[in-house]
């Protein structure tokens, strides 16, 4: 799926975009259970969709895009 397989935990490879959006953040390779707990506590982020639509992360991404 668009080269994303290498960015996902093995059990999530080959899943649809809809399934991935609803997946826990640990579906992203390198995000541990303890990372997920911190994201939940700090930003109430539970899923990949929550992570991708978090306003603070989107603002930061916009700033970096403008800076580049």
Protein backbone atom coordinates (compact mmCIF):
# COMPACT_ATOMS: atom_id res chain seq x y z
CA UNK A 1 0.00 0.00 0.00
CA UNK A 2 1.91 2.98 -1.34
CA UNK A 3 5.15 1.81 0.24
CA UNK A 4 3.81 2.09 3.78
CA UNK A 5 4.46 -1.54 4.66
CA UNK A 6 7.95 -0.75 5.96
CA UNK A 7 6.45 1.83 8.30
CA UNK A 8 4.01 -0.56 9.94
CA UNK A 9 4.28 -3.29 12.54
CA UNK A 10 4.26 -6.68 10.83
CA UNK A 11 0.72 -7.58 11.94
CA UNK A 12 -0.66 -4.46 10.23
CA UNK A 13 1.02 -4.90 6.85
CA UNK A 14 -1.46 -5.40 4.04
CA UNK A 15 -4.40 -3.85 5.90
CA UNK A 16 -6.63 -1.26 4.24
CA UNK A 17 -6.20 2.45 4.88
CA UNK A 18 -9.48 2.41 6.78
CA UNK A 19 -8.24 -0.39 9.04
CA UNK A 20 -4.94 1.40 9.59
CA UNK A 21 -6.64 4.69 10.49
CA UNK A 22 -8.64 2.87 13.16
CA UNK A 23 -5.60 0.93 14.40
CA UNK A 24 -3.84 1.70 17.66
CA UNK A 25 -0.79 3.95 17.29
CA UNK A 26 1.38 0.90 17.99
CA UNK A 27 0.55 -0.22 14.45
CA UNK A 28 3.22 2.27 13.37
CA UNK A 29 6.65 0.68 13.47
CA UNK A 30 8.70 2.08 16.33
CA UNK A 31 5.77 3.26 18.45
CA UNK A 32 5.90 1.20 21.63
CA UNK A 33 3.20 0.51 24.18
CA UNK A 34 4.86 3.03 26.52
CA UNK A 35 4.90 5.63 23.70
CA UNK A 36 1.20 4.93 23.14
CA UNK A 37 0.49 5.48 26.85
CA UNK A 38 2.30 8.82 26.77
CA UNK A 39 0.42 9.93 23.64
CA UNK A 40 -2.84 8.98 25.33
CA UNK A 41 -2.01 10.89 28.51
CA UNK A 42 -0.63 13.98 26.77
CA UNK A 43 -2.94 14.33 23.77
CA UNK A 44 -5.73 11.73 24.17
CA UNK A 45 -4.38 9.97 21.08
CA UNK A 46 -5.51 6.34 20.75
CA UNK A 47 -5.51 5.59 17.02
CA UNK A 48 -3.46 6.34 13.93
CA UNK A 49 -6.29 8.67 12.85
CA UNK A 50 -6.05 10.55 16.16
CA UNK A 51 -2.31 10.92 15.65
CA UNK A 52 -2.65 12.08 12.06
CA UNK A 53 -5.36 14.62 12.81
CA UNK A 54 -4.01 15.99 16.08
CA UNK A 55 -4.12 19.77 15.74
CA UNK A 56 -0.75 20.33 17.42
CA UNK A 57 1.03 17.88 15.15
CA UNK A 58 -0.69 19.35 12.09
CA UNK A 59 0.32 22.87 13.13
CA UNK A 60 3.91 21.75 13.61
CA UNK A 61 3.88 20.00 10.23
CA UNK A 62 2.57 23.17 8.57
CA UNK A 63 5.30 25.26 10.17
CA UNK A 64 8.00 22.86 8.98
CA UNK A 65 6.54 22.81 5.46
CA UNK A 66 6.63 26.61 5.34
CA UNK A 67 10.18 26.64 6.70
CA UNK A 68 11.42 24.22 4.03
